[in-house]
Amino acid sequence: MERPKINIGFLHQVSKGLMSHEQLNSTIKQLVNKGLLEQYTNEDGDFEFELTELGREIGLTINKLKDN
């Protein structure tokens, strides 16, 4: 199964009004540093992110806890 790709522009768009660009960039950097997100440059030269295996496992665990 292909991992969903997360475009940085999309993240900035959906976080508008919730946090500043600086706060969002800091949060993303922390998630990358903790090994939950992986950053790469796509074929258009734009930054994109995807969940790592650890990030996927944590997300699944959170969803299971939420359902219980």
N, C-alpha and C. Protein backbone atom coordinates (compact mmCIF):
# COMPACT_ATOMS: atom_id res chain seq x y z
N MET A 1 0.85 -1.18 0.00
CA MET A 1 0.00 0.00 0.00
C MET A 1 0.89 1.24 0.00
N GLU A 2 0.60 2.19 -0.89
CA GLU A 2 1.38 3.42 -0.96
C GLU A 2 1.01 4.33 0.20
N ARG A 3 2.01 4.92 0.79
CA ARG A 3 1.78 5.85 1.91
C ARG A 3 1.22 7.16 1.37
N PRO A 4 0.26 7.75 2.09
CA PRO A 4 -0.24 9.06 1.65
C PRO A 4 0.84 10.12 1.78
N LYS A 5 0.94 10.98 0.80
CA LYS A 5 1.92 12.04 0.81
C LYS A 5 1.26 13.31 1.37
N ILE A 6 2.00 14.07 2.14
CA ILE A 6 1.48 15.28 2.76
C ILE A 6 2.27 16.46 2.22
N ASN A 7 1.61 17.33 1.49
CA ASN A 7 2.24 18.49 0.88
C ASN A 7 2.31 19.63 1.90
N ILE A 8 3.47 20.28 2.00
CA ILE A 8 3.66 21.36 2.97
C ILE A 8 2.68 22.52 2.72
N GLY A 9 2.40 22.82 1.46
CA GLY A 9 1.43 23.88 1.15
C GLY A 9 0.05 23.55 1.68
N PHE A 10 -0.35 22.29 1.58
CA PHE A 10 -1.64 21.85 2.12
C PHE A 10 -1.66 22.02 3.63
N LEU A 11 -0.58 21.66 4.29
CA LEU A 11 -0.53 21.81 5.75
C LEU A 11 -0.66 23.27 6.16
N HIS A 12 0.01 24.16 5.44
CA HIS A 12 -0.10 25.58 5.74
C HIS A 12 -1.52 26.08 5.51
N GLN A 13 -2.16 25.59 4.46
CA GLN A 13 -3.52 26.02 4.14
C GLN A 13 -4.51 25.58 5.21
N VAL A 14 -4.44 24.32 5.64
CA VAL A 14 -5.43 23.82 6.60
C VAL A 14 -5.16 24.29 8.02
N SER A 15 -3.95 24.78 8.30
CA SER A 15 -3.64 25.25 9.65
C SER A 15 -3.88 26.75 9.80
N LYS A 16 -4.26 27.40 8.72
CA LYS A 16 -4.49 28.84 8.75
C LYS A 16 -5.49 29.21 9.85
N GLY A 17 -5.13 30.14 10.68
CA GLY A 17 -5.99 30.56 11.77
C GLY A 17 -5.80 29.74 13.04
N LEU A 18 -5.18 28.57 12.91
CA LEU A 18 -4.93 27.72 14.08
C LEU A 18 -3.53 27.93 14.64
N MET A 19 -2.57 28.11 13.74
CA MET A 19 -1.19 28.35 14.15
C MET A 19 -0.48 29.11 13.05
N SER A 20 0.58 29.81 13.44
CA SER A 20 1.35 30.57 12.46
C SER A 20 2.21 29.62 11.63
N HIS A 21 2.75 30.13 10.53
CA HIS A 21 3.66 29.32 9.71
C HIS A 21 4.85 28.85 10.54
N GLU A 22 5.34 29.74 11.40
CA GLU A 22 6.49 29.38 12.24
C GLU A 22 6.15 28.25 13.20
N GLN A 23 4.96 28.31 13.80
CA GLN A 23 4.53 27.25 14.72
C GLN A 23 4.37 25.93 13.98
N LEU A 24 3.76 25.98 12.79
CA LEU A 24 3.57 24.77 12.01
C LEU A 24 4.91 24.18 11.60
N ASN A 25 5.82 25.02 11.11
CA ASN A 25 7.14 24.53 10.71
C ASN A 25 7.88 23.92 11.89
N SER A 26 7.76 24.52 13.07
CA SER A 26 8.40 23.97 14.27
C SER A 26 7.80 22.62 14.64
N THR A 27 6.49 22.51 14.54
CA THR A 27 5.80 21.25 14.86
C THR A 27 6.22 20.15 13.89
N ILE A 28 6.27 20.48 12.61
CA ILE A 28 6.68 19.50 11.59
C ILE A 28 8.11 19.05 11.86
N LYS A 29 8.99 20.01 12.15
CA LYS A 29 10.39 19.69 12.43
C LYS A 29 10.50 18.73 13.62
N GLN A 30 9.71 18.97 14.66
CA GLN A 30 9.71 18.10 15.83
C GLN A 30 9.26 16.68 15.47
N LEU A 31 8.22 16.58 14.64
CA LEU A 31 7.74 15.26 14.22
C LEU A 31 8.77 14.52 13.38
N VAL A 32 9.51 15.26 12.54
CA VAL A 32 10.59 14.65 11.76
C VAL A 32 11.70 14.19 12.70
N ASN A 33 12.08 15.05 13.65
CA ASN A 33 13.16 14.71 14.58
C ASN A 33 12.81 13.51 15.46
N LYS A 34 11.53 13.33 15.76
CA LYS A 34 11.08 12.20 16.58
C LYS A 34 10.88 10.93 15.76
N GLY A 35 11.04 11.04 14.44
CA GLY A 35 10.92 9.87 13.58
C GLY A 35 9.50 9.50 13.19
N LEU A 36 8.57 10.44 13.32
CA LEU A 36 7.18 10.17 12.98
C LEU A 36 6.85 10.56 11.54
N LEU A 37 7.54 11.56 11.03
CA LEU A 37 7.39 12.01 9.64
C LEU A 37 8.73 11.94 8.95
N GLU A 38 8.68 11.71 7.63
CA GLU A 38 9.88 11.74 6.81
C GLU A 38 9.69 12.83 5.77
N GLN A 39 10.69 13.70 5.63
CA GLN A 39 10.62 14.79 4.67
C GLN A 39 11.41 14.41 3.41
N TYR A 40 10.87 14.81 2.26
CA TYR A 40 11.58 14.62 0.99
C TYR A 40 11.13 15.69 0.02
N THR A 41 11.81 15.80 -1.10
CA THR A 41 11.46 16.75 -2.15
C THR A 41 10.87 15.96 -3.31
N ASN A 42 9.68 16.38 -3.77
CA ASN A 42 9.04 15.65 -4.87
C ASN A 42 9.64 16.08 -6.21
N GLU A 43 9.13 15.51 -7.28
CA GLU A 43 9.69 15.76 -8.62
C GLU A 43 9.53 17.21 -9.07
N ASP A 44 8.60 17.96 -8.44
CA ASP A 44 8.42 19.38 -8.77
C ASP A 44 9.29 20.29 -7.91
N GLY A 45 10.05 19.69 -6.98
CA GLY A 45 10.91 20.47 -6.10
C GLY A 45 10.22 20.95 -4.84
N ASP A 46 8.99 20.49 -4.61
CA ASP A 46 8.24 20.90 -3.42
C ASP A 46 8.51 19.93 -2.27
N PHE A 47 8.51 20.45 -1.05
CA PHE A 47 8.66 19.59 0.12
C PHE A 47 7.38 18.81 0.36
N GLU A 48 7.51 17.54 0.61
CA GLU A 48 6.39 16.70 1.01
C GLU A 48 6.85 15.85 2.18
N PHE A 49 5.87 15.31 2.88
CA PHE A 49 6.13 14.49 4.05
C PHE A 49 5.28 13.24 3.96
N GLU A 50 5.74 12.20 4.62
CA GLU A 50 4.93 11.01 4.77
C GLU A 50 5.21 10.42 6.13
N LEU A 51 4.23 9.71 6.64
CA LEU A 51 4.41 9.06 7.93
C LEU A 51 5.44 7.94 7.80
N THR A 52 6.26 7.81 8.82
CA THR A 52 7.17 6.68 8.89
C THR A 52 6.38 5.48 9.42
N GLU A 53 7.01 4.32 9.46
CA GLU A 53 6.35 3.15 10.05
C GLU A 53 5.96 3.44 11.49
N LEU A 54 6.86 4.08 12.25
CA LEU A 54 6.56 4.44 13.64
C LEU A 54 5.37 5.38 13.69
N GLY A 55 5.34 6.37 12.82
CA GLY A 55 4.22 7.31 12.77
C GLY A 55 2.91 6.62 12.47
N ARG A 56 2.94 5.65 11.56
CA ARG A 56 1.73 4.89 11.22
C ARG A 56 1.27 4.04 12.40
N GLU A 57 2.22 3.40 13.09
CA GLU A 57 1.88 2.57 14.24
C GLU A 57 1.25 3.41 15.35
N ILE A 58 1.83 4.56 15.61
CA ILE A 58 1.28 5.44 16.65
C ILE A 58 -0.11 5.92 16.26
N GLY A 59 -0.29 6.29 14.98
CA GLY A 59 -1.61 6.72 14.52
C GLY A 59 -2.66 5.62 14.67
N LEU A 60 -2.29 4.40 14.31
CA LEU A 60 -3.23 3.27 14.47
C LEU A 60 -3.57 3.03 15.93
N THR A 61 -2.56 3.14 16.79
CA THR A 61 -2.80 2.95 18.23
C THR A 61 -3.74 4.03 18.78
N ILE A 62 -3.51 5.27 18.37
CA ILE A 62 -4.40 6.35 18.82
C ILE A 62 -5.82 6.12 18.36
N ASN A 63 -5.99 5.69 17.10
CA ASN A 63 -7.33 5.41 16.60
C ASN A 63 -8.00 4.28 17.37
N LYS A 64 -7.24 3.25 17.72
CA LYS A 64 -7.81 2.14 18.49
C LYS A 64 -8.24 2.60 19.87
N LEU A 65 -7.41 3.42 20.52
CA LEU A 65 -7.75 3.95 21.84
C LEU A 65 -9.00 4.84 21.77
N LYS A 66 -9.08 5.64 20.70
CA LYS A 66 -10.22 6.54 20.52
C LYS A 66 -11.51 5.74 20.35
N ASP A 67 -11.42 4.61 19.63
CA ASP A 67 -12.60 3.78 19.38
C ASP A 67 -13.08 3.07 20.63
N ASN A 68 -12.18 2.84 21.58
CA ASN A 68 -12.56 2.17 22.82
C ASN A 68 -13.04 3.20 23.77
